[in-house]
Each structure stands twice: as C-alpha cells, then as structure tokens.
C-alpha cells in the first residue's frame, strides 16, 4: 500500500484556507471506475472533485467560482496530475490515504466537519451524530449532514464514510450507489441503501 498522510490540516497533508487563489484555477476530467471526476485546481492546490453527473456538481462549481471570484479554465496543473495518480492507486486498492494539497472553500463550521471526516480511517464509517459530537456540536447533527453534502472534495475528504446511526446509507452527491461501491472497495460493513428520509441520524 502506498503510505501517505490524511488530507486535513491536523494531519501531515496540506490544506490551505479559503482565501482567493493566486492563479486562475483549471478543471479537467479524471477517468475512474465510477465515471469521470471533474477536478478543479490551481498550480498549488485542489479545489474541487465531483462526479460529472453528480447531483451537486453544478451547484458546487458555481459556489466555488463565486466564492473564489474566478472562472475555471481547462488545463492540468501539478495537483491535478498528482490527484489522478493517487486516485488510480486508491481505486486499484493500493492506497488508503491521500497526500494532496487541498483548498477547503467553506464556512468555519463546514471546515470543522470536513476535518473530522478526514480523520475517519479507511474501511471504517461514522454516523452524523458522532461527527457532530467530535466537533463539539452534539445538537448539530443535521447541519453536519448538510456540510457533508456540500463537501467539494469527495473521496479525498471521505464523506462516503458518513452513514446513518442504524448503519444504513444516506444520500451522496454522486449517488448512493457510488457511496456503496466506495465502502465495498474499502471493506466497510454497512447496512442497506436508503434515502435520507426517515433515518436515525444520531
């Protein structure tokens, strides 16, 4: 297995603040077994990773462009090439953690959730309620679920590892079937797949 650090600020990976980039970001499609992933990056950091047909793809791209005050251009900067290589290793079962320079464009609450997600080990899962408790916001379970949905760097920030308290799968921006596939790749034990309505989130 290729060893590397977690993609969070309290690991050894690199995460920068949500300040505007020094370079015009670019976007490129990365081929994966689950379909193409759109990767957005500058010369220094990755900003976006989203399945091209994902439910949140257009929303995330528009939100990032507005927040960063720029438009994504075509190109393949170094972080994109590194992401493509490391994702290939992940999908082939040769990598469990990523070592990539990430830019988390979100509110302080969202970033706290994403950092906590980054600490969930490969092959393990966590409930939204437990994530809320880990960031010191035990009553913010549904807000944690929304931050999970708004994650602009899925797989790298492993929002697919967040599930219902009863072990069932909840919604995923790339589709619940992809969430189930990723967890199966990692060998995580989960229950049936269901939508978000009527679940025990705690």
N, C-alpha and C. Protein backbone atom coordinates (compact mmCIF):
# COMPACT_ATOMS: atom_id res chain seq x y z
N UNK A 1 0.84 -1.19 0.00
CA UNK A 1 0.00 0.00 0.00
C UNK A 1 0.88 1.25 0.00
N UNK A 2 0.49 2.25 -0.74
CA UNK A 2 1.24 3.50 -0.74
C UNK A 2 0.88 4.27 0.52
N UNK A 3 1.86 4.58 1.35
CA UNK A 3 1.59 5.29 2.58
C UNK A 3 1.61 6.79 2.36
N UNK A 4 0.66 7.49 3.00
CA UNK A 4 0.65 8.94 2.90
C UNK A 4 -0.21 9.49 4.01
N UNK A 5 -0.24 10.80 4.14
CA UNK A 5 -0.94 11.45 5.23
C UNK A 5 -2.38 11.75 4.88
N UNK A 6 -3.15 12.04 5.91
CA UNK A 6 -4.54 12.42 5.71
C UNK A 6 -4.63 13.82 5.13
N UNK A 7 -5.69 14.08 4.38
CA UNK A 7 -5.86 15.37 3.73
C UNK A 7 -6.56 16.37 4.64
N UNK A 8 -6.07 16.58 5.84
CA UNK A 8 -6.67 17.54 6.75
C UNK A 8 -5.56 18.35 7.40
N UNK A 9 -5.92 19.50 7.96
CA UNK A 9 -4.91 20.40 8.49
C UNK A 9 -4.24 19.86 9.74
N UNK A 10 -4.90 18.92 10.46
CA UNK A 10 -4.27 18.39 11.64
C UNK A 10 -3.61 17.04 11.38
N UNK A 11 -3.41 16.71 10.10
CA UNK A 11 -2.58 15.58 9.71
C UNK A 11 -1.32 16.13 9.09
N UNK A 12 -0.67 15.34 8.28
CA UNK A 12 0.53 15.81 7.61
C UNK A 12 0.28 16.30 6.21
N UNK A 13 -0.97 16.15 5.72
CA UNK A 13 -1.31 16.67 4.40
C UNK A 13 -1.42 18.18 4.43
N UNK A 14 -1.50 18.79 3.28
CA UNK A 14 -1.54 20.24 3.18
C UNK A 14 -2.95 20.72 2.88
N UNK A 15 -3.46 21.60 3.73
CA UNK A 15 -4.76 22.24 3.50
C UNK A 15 -4.59 23.72 3.73
N UNK A 16 -4.99 24.52 2.77
CA UNK A 16 -4.89 25.96 2.90
C UNK A 16 -6.25 26.55 3.23
N UNK A 17 -6.26 27.82 3.62
CA UNK A 17 -7.51 28.49 3.95
C UNK A 17 -8.30 28.76 2.69
N UNK A 18 -9.51 29.30 2.86
CA UNK A 18 -10.39 29.52 1.71
C UNK A 18 -10.17 30.88 1.07
N UNK A 19 -8.97 31.44 1.18
CA UNK A 19 -8.67 32.70 0.52
C UNK A 19 -8.65 32.52 -0.99
N UNK A 20 -8.78 33.63 -1.73
CA UNK A 20 -8.79 33.54 -3.18
C UNK A 20 -7.43 33.08 -3.71
N UNK A 21 -7.43 32.27 -4.76
CA UNK A 21 -6.17 31.71 -5.26
C UNK A 21 -5.30 32.76 -5.93
N UNK A 22 -3.99 32.47 -5.98
CA UNK A 22 -3.06 33.36 -6.66
C UNK A 22 -3.05 33.11 -8.16
N UNK A 23 -3.59 31.98 -8.60
CA UNK A 23 -3.59 31.62 -10.00
C UNK A 23 -5.01 31.30 -10.45
N UNK A 24 -5.26 31.39 -11.75
CA UNK A 24 -6.57 31.02 -12.28
C UNK A 24 -6.71 29.51 -12.21
N UNK A 25 -7.76 29.01 -11.55
CA UNK A 25 -7.92 27.56 -11.44
C UNK A 25 -8.32 26.93 -12.76
N UNK A 26 -7.97 25.66 -12.91
CA UNK A 26 -8.30 24.90 -14.11
C UNK A 26 -9.14 23.69 -13.72
N UNK A 27 -9.84 23.12 -14.69
CA UNK A 27 -10.61 21.91 -14.43
C UNK A 27 -10.33 20.89 -15.52
N UNK A 28 -10.35 19.62 -15.12
CA UNK A 28 -10.09 18.53 -16.06
C UNK A 28 -10.83 17.31 -15.56
N UNK A 29 -11.24 16.43 -16.47
CA UNK A 29 -11.93 15.19 -16.09
C UNK A 29 -10.92 14.08 -15.86
N UNK A 30 -11.08 13.36 -14.75
CA UNK A 30 -10.25 12.22 -14.41
C UNK A 30 -11.09 10.96 -14.54
N UNK A 31 -10.62 10.00 -15.32
CA UNK A 31 -11.36 8.76 -15.51
C UNK A 31 -11.25 7.87 -14.27
N UNK A 32 -12.39 7.30 -13.83
CA UNK A 32 -12.41 6.38 -12.69
C UNK A 32 -13.39 5.25 -13.00
N UNK A 33 -13.35 4.15 -12.23
CA UNK A 33 -14.31 3.07 -12.43
C UNK A 33 -15.76 3.49 -12.20
N UNK A 34 -15.97 4.62 -11.54
CA UNK A 34 -17.32 5.11 -11.24
C UNK A 34 -17.76 6.23 -12.17
N UNK A 35 -17.00 6.46 -13.22
CA UNK A 35 -17.31 7.55 -14.13
C UNK A 35 -16.33 8.69 -13.94
N UNK A 36 -16.35 9.69 -14.84
CA UNK A 36 -15.39 10.78 -14.77
C UNK A 36 -15.58 11.68 -13.56
N UNK A 37 -14.47 12.06 -12.96
CA UNK A 37 -14.45 13.03 -11.87
C UNK A 37 -13.91 14.34 -12.41
N UNK A 38 -14.63 15.42 -12.18
CA UNK A 38 -14.14 16.74 -12.55
C UNK A 38 -13.25 17.27 -11.44
N UNK A 39 -11.99 17.54 -11.76
CA UNK A 39 -11.04 18.05 -10.78
C UNK A 39 -10.75 19.51 -11.09
N UNK A 40 -10.89 20.37 -10.08
CA UNK A 40 -10.56 21.78 -10.21
C UNK A 40 -9.35 22.11 -9.36
N UNK A 41 -8.37 22.79 -9.93
CA UNK A 41 -7.13 23.06 -9.21
C UNK A 41 -6.46 24.32 -9.72
N UNK A 42 -5.60 24.89 -8.87
CA UNK A 42 -4.67 25.93 -9.30
C UNK A 42 -3.31 25.25 -9.47
N UNK A 43 -2.27 26.04 -9.65
CA UNK A 43 -0.93 25.46 -9.73
C UNK A 43 -0.48 24.87 -8.40
N UNK A 44 -1.19 25.24 -7.32
CA UNK A 44 -0.75 24.81 -5.99
C UNK A 44 -1.70 23.86 -5.29
N UNK A 45 -3.01 24.02 -5.48
CA UNK A 45 -3.97 23.28 -4.66
C UNK A 45 -5.17 22.78 -5.46
N UNK A 46 -5.80 21.73 -4.93
CA UNK A 46 -7.06 21.22 -5.47
C UNK A 46 -8.22 21.92 -4.77
N UNK A 47 -9.22 22.33 -5.56
CA UNK A 47 -10.40 22.99 -5.00
C UNK A 47 -11.66 22.13 -5.13
N UNK A 48 -11.72 21.30 -6.14
CA UNK A 48 -12.96 20.62 -6.47
C UNK A 48 -12.69 19.22 -6.99
N UNK A 49 -13.50 18.28 -6.55
CA UNK A 49 -13.53 16.94 -7.11
C UNK A 49 -14.98 16.50 -7.08
N UNK A 50 -15.57 16.29 -8.24
CA UNK A 50 -17.00 15.97 -8.29
C UNK A 50 -17.30 15.08 -9.48
N UNK A 51 -18.17 14.10 -9.29
CA UNK A 51 -18.60 13.27 -10.41
C UNK A 51 -19.36 14.14 -11.40
N UNK A 52 -19.04 13.97 -12.67
CA UNK A 52 -19.59 14.85 -13.70
C UNK A 52 -21.10 14.82 -13.75
N UNK A 53 -21.71 13.71 -13.32
CA UNK A 53 -23.17 13.63 -13.32
C UNK A 53 -23.75 13.73 -11.92
N UNK A 54 -22.92 14.14 -10.96
CA UNK A 54 -23.38 14.21 -9.57
C UNK A 54 -24.45 15.26 -9.35
N UNK A 55 -25.28 15.03 -8.35
CA UNK A 55 -26.39 15.93 -8.04
C UNK A 55 -25.91 17.32 -7.67
N UNK A 56 -24.74 17.43 -7.04
CA UNK A 56 -24.25 18.71 -6.54
C UNK A 56 -23.19 19.33 -7.44
N UNK A 57 -22.87 18.69 -8.56
CA UNK A 57 -21.75 19.13 -9.38
C UNK A 57 -21.87 20.58 -9.81
N UNK A 58 -22.96 20.94 -10.49
CA UNK A 58 -23.12 22.31 -10.99
C UNK A 58 -23.20 23.30 -9.84
N UNK A 59 -23.88 22.92 -8.76
CA UNK A 59 -24.00 23.80 -7.60
C UNK A 59 -22.65 24.07 -6.98
N UNK A 60 -21.86 23.02 -6.80
CA UNK A 60 -20.54 23.17 -6.20
C UNK A 60 -19.63 24.03 -7.07
N UNK A 61 -19.66 23.82 -8.38
CA UNK A 61 -18.82 24.58 -9.28
C UNK A 61 -19.19 26.05 -9.24
N UNK A 62 -20.50 26.36 -9.29
CA UNK A 62 -20.95 27.75 -9.24
C UNK A 62 -20.59 28.39 -7.91
N UNK A 63 -20.74 27.64 -6.82
CA UNK A 63 -20.43 28.18 -5.50
C UNK A 63 -18.95 28.51 -5.39
N UNK A 64 -18.10 27.61 -5.89
CA UNK A 64 -16.66 27.85 -5.83
C UNK A 64 -16.26 29.04 -6.69
N UNK A 65 -16.82 29.14 -7.90
CA UNK A 65 -16.48 30.26 -8.77
C UNK A 65 -16.87 31.59 -8.13
N UNK A 66 -18.04 31.62 -7.48
CA UNK A 66 -18.47 32.85 -6.82
C UNK A 66 -17.59 33.17 -5.61
N UNK A 67 -17.28 32.15 -4.83
CA UNK A 67 -16.51 32.36 -3.62
C UNK A 67 -15.07 32.78 -3.93
N UNK A 68 -14.52 32.19 -5.00
CA UNK A 68 -13.13 32.48 -5.35
C UNK A 68 -13.00 33.66 -6.30
N UNK A 69 -14.12 34.15 -6.84
CA UNK A 69 -14.09 35.29 -7.74
C UNK A 69 -13.37 35.01 -9.03
N UNK A 70 -13.58 33.82 -9.61
CA UNK A 70 -12.87 33.45 -10.83
C UNK A 70 -13.67 32.40 -11.59
N UNK A 71 -13.21 32.07 -12.78
CA UNK A 71 -13.81 31.02 -13.59
C UNK A 71 -12.77 29.92 -13.81
N UNK A 72 -13.24 28.69 -13.88
CA UNK A 72 -12.33 27.57 -14.12
C UNK A 72 -11.98 27.48 -15.60
N UNK A 73 -10.70 27.30 -15.88
CA UNK A 73 -10.20 27.16 -17.24
C UNK A 73 -9.80 25.70 -17.46
N UNK A 74 -9.49 25.34 -18.70
CA UNK A 74 -9.01 23.99 -18.96
C UNK A 74 -7.51 23.92 -18.71
N UNK A 75 -7.03 22.76 -18.33
CA UNK A 75 -5.60 22.60 -18.07
C UNK A 75 -5.37 21.49 -17.07
N UNK A 76 -4.11 21.12 -16.88
CA UNK A 76 -3.76 20.03 -15.98
C UNK A 76 -2.56 20.44 -15.12
N UNK A 77 -2.78 21.27 -14.09
CA UNK A 77 -1.68 21.65 -13.21
C UNK A 77 -1.20 20.46 -12.38
N UNK A 78 -0.10 20.66 -11.69
CA UNK A 78 0.53 19.56 -10.95
C UNK A 78 -0.39 18.89 -9.93
N UNK A 79 -1.19 19.64 -9.15
CA UNK A 79 -2.07 18.95 -8.19
C UNK A 79 -3.07 18.02 -8.86
N UNK A 80 -3.53 18.38 -10.06
CA UNK A 80 -4.47 17.51 -10.78
C UNK A 80 -3.78 16.22 -11.19
N UNK A 81 -2.57 16.33 -11.70
CA UNK A 81 -1.83 15.13 -12.10
C UNK A 81 -1.57 14.23 -10.90
N UNK A 82 -1.23 14.83 -9.76
CA UNK A 82 -1.00 14.04 -8.55
C UNK A 82 -2.28 13.38 -8.08
N UNK A 83 -3.40 14.10 -8.16
CA UNK A 83 -4.69 13.53 -7.77
C UNK A 83 -5.05 12.35 -8.67
N UNK A 84 -4.82 12.50 -9.96
CA UNK A 84 -5.13 11.42 -10.90
C UNK A 84 -4.32 10.16 -10.56
N UNK A 85 -3.05 10.34 -10.24
CA UNK A 85 -2.20 9.20 -9.90
C UNK A 85 -2.66 8.55 -8.59
N UNK A 86 -2.89 9.36 -7.57
CA UNK A 86 -3.27 8.81 -6.27
C UNK A 86 -4.66 8.19 -6.29
N UNK A 87 -5.58 8.77 -7.04
CA UNK A 87 -6.91 8.17 -7.17
C UNK A 87 -6.82 6.83 -7.89
N UNK A 88 -5.96 6.74 -8.89
CA UNK A 88 -5.76 5.47 -9.57
C UNK A 88 -5.27 4.40 -8.60
N UNK A 89 -4.36 4.78 -7.71
CA UNK A 89 -3.86 3.85 -6.70
C UNK A 89 -4.96 3.46 -5.72
N UNK A 90 -5.79 4.43 -5.36
CA UNK A 90 -6.91 4.16 -4.44
C UNK A 90 -7.89 3.16 -5.07
N UNK A 91 -8.29 3.42 -6.29
CA UNK A 91 -9.27 2.55 -6.94
C UNK A 91 -8.71 1.15 -7.24
N UNK A 92 -7.40 1.02 -7.32
CA UNK A 92 -6.80 -0.30 -7.54
C UNK A 92 -6.44 -0.99 -6.23
N UNK A 93 -6.82 -0.38 -5.10
CA UNK A 93 -6.57 -0.99 -3.80
C UNK A 93 -5.17 -0.82 -3.27
N UNK A 94 -4.40 0.10 -3.84
CA UNK A 94 -3.01 0.29 -3.44
C UNK A 94 -2.79 1.51 -2.56
N UNK A 95 -3.82 2.28 -2.28
CA UNK A 95 -3.68 3.47 -1.44
C UNK A 95 -4.89 3.60 -0.53
N UNK A 96 -4.62 3.90 0.74
CA UNK A 96 -5.70 4.09 1.70
C UNK A 96 -5.84 5.53 2.17
N UNK A 97 -4.80 6.32 2.01
CA UNK A 97 -4.85 7.73 2.42
C UNK A 97 -4.19 8.56 1.33
N UNK A 98 -4.59 9.83 1.28
CA UNK A 98 -4.11 10.72 0.23
C UNK A 98 -3.16 11.77 0.79
N UNK A 99 -2.22 12.19 -0.03
CA UNK A 99 -1.28 13.24 0.33
C UNK A 99 -1.31 14.28 -0.78
N UNK A 100 -2.29 15.17 -0.70
CA UNK A 100 -2.52 16.17 -1.75
C UNK A 100 -2.76 17.54 -1.12
N UNK A 101 -2.37 18.62 -1.81
CA UNK A 101 -2.62 19.97 -1.30
C UNK A 101 -4.06 20.39 -1.60
N UNK A 102 -4.87 20.51 -0.57
CA UNK A 102 -6.29 20.80 -0.75
C UNK A 102 -6.64 22.21 -0.29
N UNK A 103 -7.61 22.81 -0.95
CA UNK A 103 -8.14 24.12 -0.57
C UNK A 103 -9.60 23.92 -0.18
N UNK A 104 -9.91 24.09 1.10
CA UNK A 104 -11.28 23.90 1.58
C UNK A 104 -12.01 25.23 1.57
N UNK A 105 -12.89 25.41 0.61
CA UNK A 105 -13.64 26.66 0.49
C UNK A 105 -14.99 26.47 1.17
N UNK A 106 -15.08 26.86 2.44
CA UNK A 106 -16.32 26.69 3.18
C UNK A 106 -16.33 27.52 4.44
N UNK A 107 -17.43 27.48 5.17
CA UNK A 107 -17.54 28.20 6.43
C UNK A 107 -16.70 27.50 7.49
N UNK A 108 -16.42 28.17 8.61
CA UNK A 108 -15.67 27.51 9.68
C UNK A 108 -16.35 26.23 10.16
N UNK A 109 -17.69 26.23 10.25
CA UNK A 109 -18.40 25.02 10.66
C UNK A 109 -18.20 23.91 9.64
N UNK A 110 -18.36 24.22 8.36
CA UNK A 110 -18.16 23.21 7.32
C UNK A 110 -16.74 22.65 7.36
N UNK A 111 -15.77 23.53 7.53
CA UNK A 111 -14.39 23.07 7.55
C UNK A 111 -14.12 22.17 8.76
N UNK A 112 -14.76 22.48 9.90
CA UNK A 112 -14.61 21.61 11.07
C UNK A 112 -15.15 20.22 10.78
N UNK A 113 -16.30 20.16 10.11
CA UNK A 113 -16.88 18.87 9.74
C UNK A 113 -15.96 18.13 8.78
N UNK A 114 -15.44 18.83 7.77
CA UNK A 114 -14.58 18.18 6.77
C UNK A 114 -13.29 17.69 7.39
N UNK A 115 -12.73 18.45 8.32
CA UNK A 115 -11.52 18.00 9.01
C UNK A 115 -11.81 16.72 9.80
N UNK A 116 -12.97 16.68 10.48
CA UNK A 116 -13.35 15.48 11.24
C UNK A 116 -13.54 14.29 10.31
N UNK A 117 -14.15 14.53 9.15
CA UNK A 117 -14.31 13.45 8.16
C UNK A 117 -12.96 12.90 7.73
N UNK A 118 -11.99 13.78 7.58
CA UNK A 118 -10.66 13.36 7.15
C UNK A 118 -9.96 12.45 8.14
N UNK A 119 -10.47 12.41 9.38
CA UNK A 119 -9.87 11.55 10.40
C UNK A 119 -10.53 10.18 10.48
N UNK A 120 -11.59 9.95 9.71
CA UNK A 120 -12.25 8.64 9.70
C UNK A 120 -11.40 7.68 8.87
N UNK A 121 -10.89 6.62 9.46
CA UNK A 121 -9.96 5.74 8.74
C UNK A 121 -10.59 5.00 7.57
N UNK A 122 -9.78 4.62 6.65
CA UNK A 122 -10.15 3.77 5.52
C UNK A 122 -10.82 2.51 6.04
N UNK A 123 -11.95 2.14 5.44
CA UNK A 123 -12.64 0.92 5.84
C UNK A 123 -13.53 1.06 7.04
N UNK A 124 -13.63 2.26 7.61
CA UNK A 124 -14.50 2.50 8.76
C UNK A 124 -15.57 3.52 8.40
N UNK A 125 -16.62 3.58 9.20
CA UNK A 125 -17.69 4.54 8.99
C UNK A 125 -17.98 5.28 10.29
N UNK A 126 -18.74 6.36 10.17
CA UNK A 126 -19.11 7.16 11.33
C UNK A 126 -20.51 7.72 11.10
N UNK A 127 -21.30 7.85 12.15
CA UNK A 127 -22.63 8.44 12.00
C UNK A 127 -22.51 9.96 12.03
N UNK A 128 -23.53 10.63 11.50
CA UNK A 128 -23.55 12.09 11.51
C UNK A 128 -23.56 12.61 12.94
N UNK A 129 -24.30 11.92 13.81
CA UNK A 129 -24.35 12.34 15.21
C UNK A 129 -22.99 12.26 15.88
N UNK A 130 -22.25 11.20 15.60
CA UNK A 130 -20.92 11.06 16.19
C UNK A 130 -19.98 12.14 15.65
N UNK A 131 -20.11 12.47 14.38
CA UNK A 131 -19.31 13.58 13.83
C UNK A 131 -19.63 14.88 14.54
N UNK A 132 -20.93 15.11 14.79
CA UNK A 132 -21.34 16.33 15.49
C UNK A 132 -20.71 16.39 16.87
N UNK A 133 -20.68 15.27 17.57
CA UNK A 133 -20.08 15.26 18.90
C UNK A 133 -18.57 15.47 18.82
N UNK A 134 -17.94 14.94 17.78
CA UNK A 134 -16.49 15.08 17.65
C UNK A 134 -16.06 16.53 17.45
N UNK A 135 -16.91 17.33 16.83
CA UNK A 135 -16.55 18.74 16.62
C UNK A 135 -17.13 19.64 17.71
N UNK A 136 -17.68 19.03 18.76
CA UNK A 136 -18.20 19.80 19.88
C UNK A 136 -19.55 20.43 19.64
N UNK A 137 -20.31 19.91 18.67
CA UNK A 137 -21.64 20.44 18.36
C UNK A 137 -22.66 19.29 18.37
N UNK A 138 -22.91 18.70 19.53
CA UNK A 138 -23.72 17.48 19.60
C UNK A 138 -25.16 17.64 19.11
N UNK A 139 -25.68 18.85 19.09
CA UNK A 139 -27.06 19.07 18.64
C UNK A 139 -27.15 19.46 17.17
N UNK A 140 -26.03 19.47 16.48
CA UNK A 140 -25.99 19.95 15.09
C UNK A 140 -25.91 18.80 14.09
N UNK A 141 -26.57 17.69 14.39
CA UNK A 141 -26.46 16.51 13.53
C UNK A 141 -26.87 16.79 12.09
N UNK A 142 -28.01 17.44 11.91
CA UNK A 142 -28.48 17.69 10.54
C UNK A 142 -27.61 18.73 9.83
N UNK A 143 -27.09 19.70 10.58
CA UNK A 143 -26.16 20.66 9.97
C UNK A 143 -24.88 19.95 9.53
N UNK A 144 -24.45 18.97 10.30
CA UNK A 144 -23.29 18.17 9.92
C UNK A 144 -23.58 17.41 8.63
N UNK A 145 -24.80 16.85 8.53
CA UNK A 145 -25.18 16.13 7.31
C UNK A 145 -25.17 17.06 6.10
N UNK A 146 -25.62 18.31 6.29
CA UNK A 146 -25.61 19.27 5.18
C UNK A 146 -24.18 19.62 4.78
N UNK A 147 -23.30 19.80 5.77
CA UNK A 147 -21.90 20.08 5.46
C UNK A 147 -21.27 18.90 4.72
N UNK A 148 -21.66 17.71 5.11
CA UNK A 148 -21.19 16.50 4.42
C UNK A 148 -21.62 16.53 2.96
N UNK A 149 -22.87 16.92 2.71
CA UNK A 149 -23.40 17.02 1.35
C UNK A 149 -22.66 18.07 0.53
N UNK A 150 -22.23 19.16 1.18
CA UNK A 150 -21.60 20.27 0.48
C UNK A 150 -20.09 20.09 0.31
N UNK A 151 -19.56 18.97 0.72
CA UNK A 151 -18.13 18.70 0.55
C UNK A 151 -17.75 18.76 -0.92
N UNK A 152 -16.82 19.63 -1.27
CA UNK A 152 -16.39 19.79 -2.67
C UNK A 152 -15.24 18.88 -3.06
N UNK A 153 -14.77 18.06 -2.13
CA UNK A 153 -13.63 17.18 -2.42
C UNK A 153 -13.94 15.75 -1.96
N UNK A 154 -15.03 15.14 -2.46
CA UNK A 154 -15.35 13.78 -2.05
C UNK A 154 -14.23 12.80 -2.38
N UNK A 155 -14.22 11.71 -1.67
CA UNK A 155 -13.19 10.67 -1.69
C UNK A 155 -11.94 11.17 -0.96
N UNK A 156 -11.41 12.32 -1.37
CA UNK A 156 -10.25 12.89 -0.67
C UNK A 156 -10.64 13.30 0.75
N UNK A 157 -11.74 14.00 0.89
CA UNK A 157 -12.38 14.23 2.18
C UNK A 157 -13.53 13.22 2.20
N UNK A 158 -13.38 12.09 2.92
CA UNK A 158 -14.22 10.91 2.69
C UNK A 158 -15.63 10.99 3.26
N UNK A 159 -16.47 11.82 2.65
CA UNK A 159 -17.85 11.95 3.10
C UNK A 159 -18.65 10.67 2.87
N UNK A 160 -18.14 9.77 2.01
CA UNK A 160 -18.84 8.49 1.81
C UNK A 160 -18.79 7.61 3.05
N UNK A 161 -17.94 7.94 4.00
CA UNK A 161 -17.83 7.13 5.23
C UNK A 161 -18.83 7.56 6.30
N UNK A 162 -19.61 8.60 6.04
CA UNK A 162 -20.64 9.05 6.98
C UNK A 162 -21.95 8.35 6.64
N UNK A 163 -22.54 7.67 7.63
CA UNK A 163 -23.76 6.89 7.41
C UNK A 163 -24.76 7.16 8.53
N UNK A 164 -25.96 6.59 8.40
CA UNK A 164 -26.96 6.71 9.44
C UNK A 164 -26.54 5.95 10.69
N UNK A 165 -27.09 6.34 11.84
CA UNK A 165 -26.73 5.69 13.09
C UNK A 165 -27.11 4.22 13.10
N UNK A 166 -28.10 3.85 12.28
CA UNK A 166 -28.53 2.46 12.20
C UNK A 166 -27.71 1.66 11.19
N UNK A 167 -26.69 2.27 10.60
CA UNK A 167 -25.82 1.58 9.67
C UNK A 167 -26.25 1.65 8.23
N UNK A 168 -27.39 2.29 7.97
CA UNK A 168 -27.86 2.39 6.59
C UNK A 168 -27.20 3.56 5.88
N UNK A 169 -27.16 3.47 4.55
CA UNK A 169 -26.55 4.52 3.75
C UNK A 169 -27.55 5.63 3.48
N UNK A 170 -27.08 6.86 3.63
CA UNK A 170 -27.91 8.03 3.34
C UNK A 170 -27.47 8.62 2.01
N UNK A 171 -27.99 9.78 1.68
CA UNK A 171 -27.70 10.39 0.38
C UNK A 171 -26.23 10.70 0.17
N UNK A 172 -25.86 10.78 -1.10
CA UNK A 172 -24.49 11.07 -1.51
C UNK A 172 -24.57 11.85 -2.80
N UNK A 173 -23.80 12.93 -2.91
CA UNK A 173 -23.92 13.81 -4.08
C UNK A 173 -23.65 13.09 -5.39
N UNK A 174 -22.81 12.06 -5.36
CA UNK A 174 -22.53 11.29 -6.56
C UNK A 174 -23.48 10.14 -6.78
N UNK A 175 -24.47 9.98 -5.88
CA UNK A 175 -25.40 8.86 -5.96
C UNK A 175 -25.07 7.82 -4.90
N UNK A 176 -26.11 7.31 -4.23
CA UNK A 176 -25.89 6.35 -3.15
C UNK A 176 -25.19 5.09 -3.65
N UNK A 177 -25.44 4.73 -4.90
CA UNK A 177 -24.79 3.52 -5.44
C UNK A 177 -23.28 3.69 -5.46
N UNK A 178 -22.78 4.91 -5.70
CA UNK A 178 -21.33 5.14 -5.67
C UNK A 178 -20.81 5.06 -4.23
N UNK A 179 -21.58 5.59 -3.31
CA UNK A 179 -21.20 5.51 -1.90
C UNK A 179 -21.06 4.05 -1.48
N UNK A 180 -22.03 3.23 -1.87
CA UNK A 180 -21.99 1.82 -1.55
C UNK A 180 -20.77 1.15 -2.19
N UNK A 181 -20.46 1.52 -3.43
CA UNK A 181 -19.32 0.95 -4.14
C UNK A 181 -18.02 1.30 -3.44
N UNK A 182 -17.87 2.57 -3.03
CA UNK A 182 -16.64 3.01 -2.37
C UNK A 182 -16.45 2.30 -1.04
N UNK A 183 -17.53 2.15 -0.27
CA UNK A 183 -17.42 1.47 1.01
C UNK A 183 -17.10 -0.01 0.82
N UNK A 184 -17.66 -0.61 -0.24
CA UNK A 184 -17.33 -2.01 -0.54
C UNK A 184 -15.86 -2.14 -0.93
N UNK A 185 -15.35 -1.18 -1.70
CA UNK A 185 -13.93 -1.18 -2.06
C UNK A 185 -13.06 -1.18 -0.81
N UNK A 186 -13.47 -0.40 0.19
CA UNK A 186 -12.70 -0.26 1.42
C UNK A 186 -12.97 -1.39 2.41
N UNK A 187 -13.95 -2.23 2.12
CA UNK A 187 -14.25 -3.34 3.02
C UNK A 187 -15.04 -2.94 4.24
N UNK A 188 -15.77 -1.82 4.16
CA UNK A 188 -16.56 -1.36 5.30
C UNK A 188 -17.88 -2.13 5.37
N UNK A 189 -18.29 -2.49 6.57
CA UNK A 189 -19.56 -3.20 6.77
C UNK A 189 -20.67 -2.17 6.98
N UNK A 190 -21.65 -2.17 6.09
CA UNK A 190 -22.77 -1.23 6.19
C UNK A 190 -24.07 -1.96 5.93
N UNK A 191 -25.18 -1.29 6.27
CA UNK A 191 -26.50 -1.85 6.05
C UNK A 191 -27.01 -1.52 4.67
N UNK A 192 -28.33 -1.69 4.44
CA UNK A 192 -28.92 -1.42 3.13
C UNK A 192 -28.83 0.05 2.76
N UNK A 193 -29.03 0.33 1.48
CA UNK A 193 -29.03 1.71 0.99
C UNK A 193 -30.43 2.29 1.05
N UNK A 194 -30.56 3.47 1.63
CA UNK A 194 -31.82 4.17 1.68
C UNK A 194 -31.59 5.66 1.48
N UNK A 195 -32.64 6.36 1.12
CA UNK A 195 -32.56 7.80 1.02
C UNK A 195 -32.55 8.44 2.38
N UNK A 196 -32.49 9.78 2.46
CA UNK A 196 -32.33 10.47 3.73
C UNK A 196 -33.58 10.54 4.58
N UNK A 197 -34.76 10.31 4.03
CA UNK A 197 -35.99 10.48 4.80
C UNK A 197 -36.19 9.36 5.81
N UNK A 198 -36.55 9.73 7.00
CA UNK A 198 -36.93 8.75 8.00
C UNK A 198 -35.78 8.01 8.65
N UNK A 199 -34.57 8.48 8.48
CA UNK A 199 -33.44 7.78 9.07
C UNK A 199 -33.12 8.29 10.46
N UNK A 200 -32.49 7.45 11.24
CA UNK A 200 -31.96 7.85 12.54
C UNK A 200 -30.57 8.43 12.29
N UNK A 201 -30.45 9.76 12.36
CA UNK A 201 -29.19 10.43 12.01
C UNK A 201 -28.16 10.39 13.14
N UNK A 202 -28.59 10.14 14.35
CA UNK A 202 -27.71 10.30 15.50
C UNK A 202 -26.62 9.23 15.57
